[in-house]
Amino acid sequence: MKKFVLIFFCFLASCAVETGPPVSRQEVLQAQEEIWRIKLEQYFSCERRVGRVLVRLLPVTENKAPHPWFLVKIVDLSRTPAEVREALSEIFHRSLPKKGYLVTFVHPAIERQGLKPGMIIARLKTTHLRLGEPVRVVLEGGRALVLHPPVVHTQPVDFRIVDSLAPNAWVTPENRMYVTVALCRVLPDDNELAAVVGHELAHLKRGHLFKRQAILTLRNLLGIGVYSLGGRPASDIYRLGTNLAILKYSRDQEREADFYGLWYVYRAGYNLERAAQVWVHLAAVLPPGQPSILSDHPATAERLARIRKIVAAIKAGHTFEELKKNP
């Protein structure tokens, strides 16, 4: 019986008809390269847009100690598959080596000093950034560049583009911002993109991540004491109550980030009304969220109403504290 089944499947395989015209391996590779080219073009377009916005917004966030800001994005060619390297060659109109670092985005102040997208960094001679000290890089062919990073009076922020279908942006305690390609697709207007970048910067600059982590740590420590004194029932009630309190605290942080994010946008010279429209566009493309009481973000309708008041308050020169006292 087993031999019969095997013969039957072999017969089916031999009788199978290939649909459509046959294609060669070279044609498949060419198709893959085209797919990668389109994918990478969208990726680098998003990278350029986010980079330009960040360069304008970060200097207006706060005024503290000066820091050097070496904002350069690269691709490690030694870790890049051949078909991706071919696609990169088409995008940057040059043949690429198998090793080195392809420059894809450069802070304008650094670009004016000679480091441009499409160049290959063979070696980075400076490993630690220090205020007032140059960065030395060796380019393909051995040419050396001495670069002077721009100075910002705030903690520098790096960014990464994420190839994701979900429109999103977030920040981490390491002063790094992540923006998805999908967000750039649904926000073709840089004023709106600036509103999202400004909002995430506000989370960093207002210390929201560290405050939230401190509250969670304190909640967990106190929870141990509640459990030891009252057992599981008391611990469950405590955790439910603190979870609701933390959600409200998170929503309050979102409202504060909405204000300061738009304030940064306004100070950087973007169109404030068009920037505020971002929440309308995102509400149209993002799936409905949870009820407001269970969400760490304000409800969409509430947020839109508040944004209109924020725009008016910023134009009138009011601070966030004044807006809270006189809503």
Protein backbone atom coordinates (compact mmCIF):
# COMPACT_ATOMS: atom_id res chain seq x y z
CA MET A 1 0.00 0.00 0.00
CA LYS A 2 2.77 2.45 0.90
CA LYS A 3 4.53 1.68 -2.38
CA PHE A 4 1.31 2.36 -4.29
CA VAL A 5 0.83 5.75 -2.56
CA LEU A 6 4.44 6.72 -3.33
CA ILE A 7 4.02 5.79 -7.01
CA PHE A 8 0.74 7.73 -7.14
CA PHE A 9 2.34 10.93 -5.79
CA CYS A 10 5.27 10.57 -8.17
CA PHE A 11 2.76 10.27 -11.01
CA LEU A 12 0.99 13.45 -9.87
CA ALA A 13 4.31 15.30 -9.66
CA SER A 14 5.29 14.23 -13.16
CA CYS A 15 1.92 15.28 -14.55
CA ALA A 16 1.90 18.66 -12.80
CA VAL A 17 1.81 21.54 -15.25
CA GLU A 18 3.77 24.70 -14.45
CA THR A 19 1.45 27.69 -14.66
CA GLY A 20 2.63 30.64 -16.69
CA PRO A 21 5.89 30.97 -18.60
CA PRO A 22 9.03 29.57 -16.95
CA VAL A 23 11.44 32.02 -15.35
CA SER A 24 15.17 31.77 -14.87
CA ARG A 25 17.06 32.27 -11.62
CA GLN A 26 18.51 35.50 -13.04
CA GLU A 27 15.00 36.84 -13.69
CA VAL A 28 13.98 35.97 -10.13
CA LEU A 29 17.04 37.78 -8.77
CA GLN A 30 16.23 40.84 -10.88
CA ALA A 31 12.68 40.86 -9.49
CA GLN A 32 14.00 40.58 -5.94
CA GLU A 33 16.37 43.45 -6.58
CA GLU A 34 13.51 45.61 -7.85
CA ILE A 35 11.43 44.82 -4.79
CA TRP A 36 14.35 45.73 -2.53
CA ARG A 37 14.96 48.96 -4.45
CA ILE A 38 11.37 50.14 -3.97
CA LYS A 39 11.39 49.05 -0.33
CA LEU A 40 14.68 50.81 0.39
CA GLU A 41 13.66 53.97 -1.43
CA GLN A 42 10.68 54.28 0.89
CA TYR A 43 12.87 53.50 3.89
CA PHE A 44 15.46 56.16 3.02
CA SER A 45 12.77 58.69 2.15
CA CYS A 46 11.34 58.20 5.65
CA GLU A 47 14.83 58.42 7.13
CA ARG A 48 15.52 61.74 5.39
CA ARG A 49 12.20 63.21 6.46
CA VAL A 50 12.51 62.17 10.10
CA GLY A 51 16.14 63.34 10.15
CA ARG A 52 15.25 66.77 8.75
CA VAL A 53 12.43 67.19 11.26
CA LEU A 54 14.56 66.07 14.20
CA VAL A 55 17.35 68.47 13.20
CA ARG A 56 14.87 71.37 13.40
CA LEU A 57 13.03 70.30 16.55
CA LEU A 58 15.71 69.08 18.94
CA PRO A 59 17.52 72.45 19.36
CA VAL A 60 14.29 74.17 20.50
CA THR A 61 13.29 71.60 23.12
CA GLU A 62 15.22 73.01 26.07
CA ASN A 63 18.30 75.05 26.95
CA LYS A 64 20.75 73.10 29.09
CA ALA A 65 24.36 71.97 28.93
CA PRO A 66 25.90 71.86 25.43
CA HIS A 67 26.53 68.50 23.73
CA PRO A 68 28.08 67.47 20.41
CA TRP A 69 25.57 65.84 18.05
CA PHE A 70 27.11 63.51 15.47
CA LEU A 71 23.92 62.57 13.60
CA VAL A 72 24.97 60.26 10.75
CA LYS A 73 23.07 57.19 9.54
CA ILE A 74 24.90 54.32 7.85
CA VAL A 75 24.44 50.82 6.40
CA ASP A 76 27.01 48.15 7.24
CA LEU A 77 27.78 46.67 3.82
CA SER A 78 29.55 43.63 5.29
CA ARG A 79 26.18 42.48 6.64
CA THR A 80 24.19 43.30 3.52
CA PRO A 81 23.01 40.50 1.17
CA ALA A 82 24.12 40.74 -2.46
CA GLU A 83 20.65 41.58 -3.86
CA VAL A 84 20.24 44.38 -1.30
CA ARG A 85 23.68 45.75 -2.15
CA GLU A 86 22.70 45.80 -5.83
CA ALA A 87 19.53 47.71 -4.99
CA LEU A 88 21.57 50.19 -2.92
CA SER A 89 23.91 50.65 -5.88
CA GLU A 90 20.97 51.70 -8.05
CA ILE A 91 19.58 54.05 -5.42
CA PHE A 92 22.91 55.82 -4.82
CA HIS A 93 24.06 55.56 -8.46
CA ARG A 94 27.38 53.92 -7.73
CA SER A 95 29.00 50.52 -7.34
CA LEU A 96 29.39 49.48 -3.71
CA PRO A 97 32.15 47.46 -2.05
CA LYS A 98 31.44 44.39 0.05
CA LYS A 99 32.80 46.07 3.16
CA GLY A 100 32.53 49.52 4.66
CA TYR A 101 29.71 51.76 5.85
CA LEU A 102 27.41 53.42 3.33
CA VAL A 103 26.32 56.88 4.48
CA THR A 104 22.55 57.35 4.03
CA PHE A 105 21.74 60.49 6.06
CA VAL A 106 23.94 63.27 7.44
CA HIS A 107 23.14 66.25 9.65
CA PRO A 108 23.24 69.31 7.34
CA ALA A 109 25.99 70.93 9.44
CA ILE A 110 28.16 67.84 8.95
CA GLU A 111 27.24 67.50 5.29
CA ARG A 112 28.55 71.02 4.64
CA GLN A 113 31.93 69.78 5.91
CA GLY A 114 32.19 67.17 3.18
CA LEU A 115 30.49 63.97 4.41
CA LYS A 116 27.57 63.24 2.09
CA PRO A 117 25.03 60.44 1.52
CA GLY A 118 26.42 57.80 -0.84
CA MET A 119 29.96 58.01 0.52
CA ILE A 120 31.66 54.98 2.08
CA ILE A 121 33.25 55.23 5.51
CA ALA A 122 36.09 52.72 5.69
CA ARG A 123 37.05 53.46 9.28
CA LEU A 124 35.88 55.69 12.12
CA LYS A 125 38.96 56.89 13.97
CA THR A 126 37.08 58.70 16.75
CA THR A 127 35.16 56.42 19.10
CA HIS A 128 34.08 58.84 21.87
CA LEU A 129 32.39 62.19 21.32
CA ARG A 130 33.68 65.09 23.38
CA LEU A 131 32.55 68.68 23.27
CA GLY A 132 34.89 70.79 21.16
CA GLU A 133 36.79 67.82 19.72
CA PRO A 134 36.49 66.79 16.05
CA VAL A 135 35.44 63.41 14.69
CA ARG A 136 37.91 61.79 12.30
CA VAL A 137 36.74 59.35 9.64
CA VAL A 138 38.60 57.60 6.84
CA LEU A 139 36.69 57.34 3.58
CA GLU A 140 36.93 54.74 0.83
CA GLY A 141 40.25 55.25 -0.95
CA GLY A 142 42.01 56.46 2.21
CA ARG A 143 40.89 60.10 2.23
CA ALA A 144 40.50 61.42 5.77
CA LEU A 145 37.86 63.86 6.95
CA VAL A 146 37.96 65.94 10.11
CA LEU A 147 34.39 66.74 11.10
CA HIS A 148 33.11 69.12 13.77
CA PRO A 149 29.72 67.96 15.08
CA PRO A 150 27.12 70.68 15.67
CA VAL A 151 26.42 71.61 19.29
CA VAL A 152 22.95 71.36 20.85
CA HIS A 153 22.06 72.65 24.29
CA THR A 154 20.21 69.50 25.25
CA GLN A 155 20.82 65.77 25.37
CA PRO A 156 21.24 64.53 21.77
CA VAL A 157 18.65 62.14 20.36
CA ASP A 158 19.29 59.39 17.82
CA PHE A 159 16.63 57.79 15.63
CA ARG A 160 15.93 54.54 13.80
CA ILE A 161 13.47 53.79 11.02
CA VAL A 162 11.50 50.56 11.50
CA ASP A 163 10.14 48.62 8.53
CA SER A 164 6.64 48.00 9.89
CA LEU A 165 3.10 48.09 8.47
CA ALA A 166 1.80 49.79 11.62
CA PRO A 167 1.95 53.62 11.73
CA ASN A 168 3.76 54.26 14.99
CA ALA A 169 6.55 56.13 16.77
CA TRP A 170 8.07 55.73 20.21
CA VAL A 171 11.13 56.61 22.30
CA THR A 172 13.37 54.68 24.68
CA PRO A 173 15.34 55.80 27.77
CA GLU A 174 18.55 55.60 25.69
CA ASN A 175 17.46 58.85 23.96
CA ARG A 176 16.53 56.99 20.81
CA MET A 177 13.42 57.52 18.71
CA TYR A 178 11.83 54.87 16.51
CA VAL A 179 9.56 55.76 13.59
CA THR A 180 7.91 53.24 11.29
CA VAL A 181 7.90 53.53 7.51
CA ALA A 182 4.12 53.19 7.64
CA LEU A 183 3.86 56.40 9.67
CA CYS A 184 5.76 58.29 6.96
CA ARG A 185 3.37 56.82 4.36
CA VAL A 186 0.21 58.01 6.13
CA LEU A 187 1.73 61.42 6.95
CA PRO A 188 3.07 62.88 3.68
CA ASP A 189 3.05 66.40 5.17
CA ASP A 190 6.22 67.22 7.16
CA ASN A 191 4.22 69.54 9.42
CA GLU A 192 2.18 66.56 10.60
CA LEU A 193 5.25 64.35 10.88
CA ALA A 194 6.85 67.10 12.98
CA ALA A 195 3.89 66.95 15.39
CA VAL A 196 4.49 63.23 16.03
CA VAL A 197 8.26 63.64 16.34
CA GLY A 198 7.73 66.61 18.66
CA HIS A 199 5.29 64.59 20.77
CA GLU A 200 7.84 61.80 21.23
CA LEU A 201 10.59 64.31 21.99
CA ALA A 202 8.37 65.78 24.68
CA HIS A 203 8.14 62.37 26.35
CA LEU A 204 11.94 62.34 26.54
CA LYS A 205 12.52 65.96 27.49
CA ARG A 206 9.76 66.06 30.12
CA GLY A 207 11.19 62.92 31.76
CA HIS A 208 8.04 60.84 31.26
CA LEU A 209 9.84 57.53 30.73
CA PHE A 210 11.87 57.79 33.92
CA LYS A 211 8.92 59.05 35.98
CA ARG A 212 6.76 56.17 34.81
CA GLN A 213 9.47 53.63 35.55
CA ALA A 214 9.98 55.11 39.03
CA ILE A 215 6.25 54.84 39.75
CA LEU A 216 6.13 51.24 38.54
CA THR A 217 9.12 50.35 40.69
CA LEU A 218 7.54 51.98 43.76
CA ARG A 219 4.23 50.24 43.01
CA ASN A 220 5.92 46.86 42.89
CA LEU A 221 7.88 47.44 46.09
CA LEU A 222 4.79 48.54 48.01
CA GLY A 223 2.88 45.61 46.52
CA ILE A 224 5.25 43.21 48.23
CA GLY A 225 4.39 44.78 51.58
CA VAL A 226 0.64 44.71 50.87
CA TYR A 227 0.82 41.01 49.95
CA SER A 228 2.80 40.15 53.10
CA LEU A 229 0.27 41.92 55.32
CA GLY A 230 -3.04 41.16 53.61
CA GLY A 231 -2.40 38.18 51.38
CA ARG A 232 -3.70 37.63 47.84
CA PRO A 233 -7.09 39.45 48.17
CA ALA A 234 -5.47 42.66 49.42
CA SER A 235 -2.73 42.38 46.79
CA ASP A 236 -5.30 42.02 43.98
CA ILE A 237 -7.28 45.07 45.14
CA TYR A 238 -4.06 47.06 45.50
CA ARG A 239 -2.87 46.13 42.01
CA LEU A 240 -6.22 46.98 40.40
CA GLY A 241 -6.31 50.38 42.07
CA THR A 242 -2.72 51.24 41.22
CA ASN A 243 -3.18 50.08 37.62
CA LEU A 244 -6.08 52.52 37.16
CA ALA A 245 -4.03 55.29 38.79
CA ILE A 246 -1.08 54.58 36.51
CA LEU A 247 -3.33 54.64 33.43
CA LYS A 248 -4.61 58.09 34.44
CA TYR A 249 -1.03 59.22 35.05
CA SER A 250 -0.09 57.98 31.58
CA ARG A 251 -2.98 59.87 29.99
CA ASP A 252 -1.86 63.02 31.81
CA GLN A 253 1.63 62.52 30.39
CA GLU A 254 0.14 62.19 26.90
CA ARG A 255 -1.68 65.50 27.32
CA GLU A 256 1.52 67.17 28.48
CA ALA A 257 3.40 65.69 25.50
CA ASP A 258 0.68 66.98 23.17
CA PHE A 259 1.26 70.52 24.44
CA TYR A 260 5.05 70.52 24.45
CA GLY A 261 5.26 68.62 21.17
CA LEU A 262 3.23 71.32 19.42
CA TRP A 263 5.16 74.01 21.26
CA TYR A 264 8.40 72.62 19.81
CA VAL A 265 6.75 72.54 16.37
CA TYR A 266 5.73 76.18 16.75
CA ARG A 267 9.18 77.28 17.94
CA ALA A 268 10.83 75.43 15.04
CA GLY A 269 8.75 77.35 12.51
CA TYR A 270 6.38 74.64 11.30
CA ASN A 271 2.76 75.38 10.47
CA LEU A 272 0.97 74.83 13.78
CA GLU A 273 -2.54 74.34 12.38
CA ARG A 274 -1.38 71.80 9.82
CA ALA A 275 0.69 70.03 12.47
CA ALA A 276 -2.36 69.74 14.72
CA GLN A 277 -4.27 68.02 11.90
CA VAL A 278 -2.09 64.95 12.44
CA TRP A 279 -4.49 63.64 15.07
CA VAL A 280 -7.40 63.85 12.61
CA HIS A 281 -5.46 61.89 9.99
CA LEU A 282 -4.23 59.29 12.47
CA ALA A 283 -7.73 58.86 13.89
CA ALA A 284 -8.92 58.11 10.35
CA VAL A 285 -6.31 55.44 9.60
CA LEU A 286 -5.70 53.81 12.99
CA PRO A 287 -8.11 51.23 14.43
CA PRO A 288 -10.34 52.40 17.30
CA GLY A 289 -8.68 52.10 20.69
CA GLN A 290 -9.99 50.96 24.03
CA PRO A 291 -12.37 53.10 26.12
CA SER A 292 -10.60 56.12 27.57
CA ILE A 293 -10.65 54.87 31.16
CA LEU A 294 -8.72 51.74 30.12
CA SER A 295 -6.26 53.44 27.78
CA ASP A 296 -3.00 55.18 28.54
CA HIS A 297 -3.78 57.70 25.75
CA PRO A 298 -6.62 60.23 25.83
CA ALA A 299 -9.65 59.29 23.73
CA THR A 300 -9.42 60.54 20.14
CA ALA A 301 -12.34 62.97 20.30
CA GLU A 302 -11.11 64.36 23.62
CA ARG A 303 -7.60 64.71 22.22
CA LEU A 304 -8.81 66.61 19.14
CA ALA A 305 -10.78 69.03 21.29
CA ARG A 306 -7.79 69.59 23.55
CA ILE A 307 -5.43 70.05 20.61
CA ARG A 308 -7.53 72.97 19.34
CA LYS A 309 -7.23 74.64 22.74
CA ILE A 310 -3.50 73.93 22.84
CA VAL A 311 -2.97 75.59 19.46
CA ALA A 312 -4.85 78.70 20.61
CA ALA A 313 -2.94 78.79 23.91
CA ILE A 314 0.48 78.47 22.24
CA LYS A 315 -0.33 81.26 19.78
CA ALA A 316 -1.44 83.43 22.68
CA GLY A 317 1.86 82.81 24.47
CA HIS A 318 0.44 80.76 27.35
CA THR A 319 2.40 78.07 29.18
CA PHE A 320 1.26 74.54 29.93
CA GLU A 321 0.75 75.40 33.60
CA GLU A 322 -1.48 78.33 32.65
CA LEU A 323 -3.48 76.09 30.34
CA LYS A 324 -4.01 73.55 33.13
CA LYS A 325 -5.25 76.25 35.52
CA ASN A 326 -7.51 77.88 32.94
CA PRO A 327 -8.69 75.14 30.59
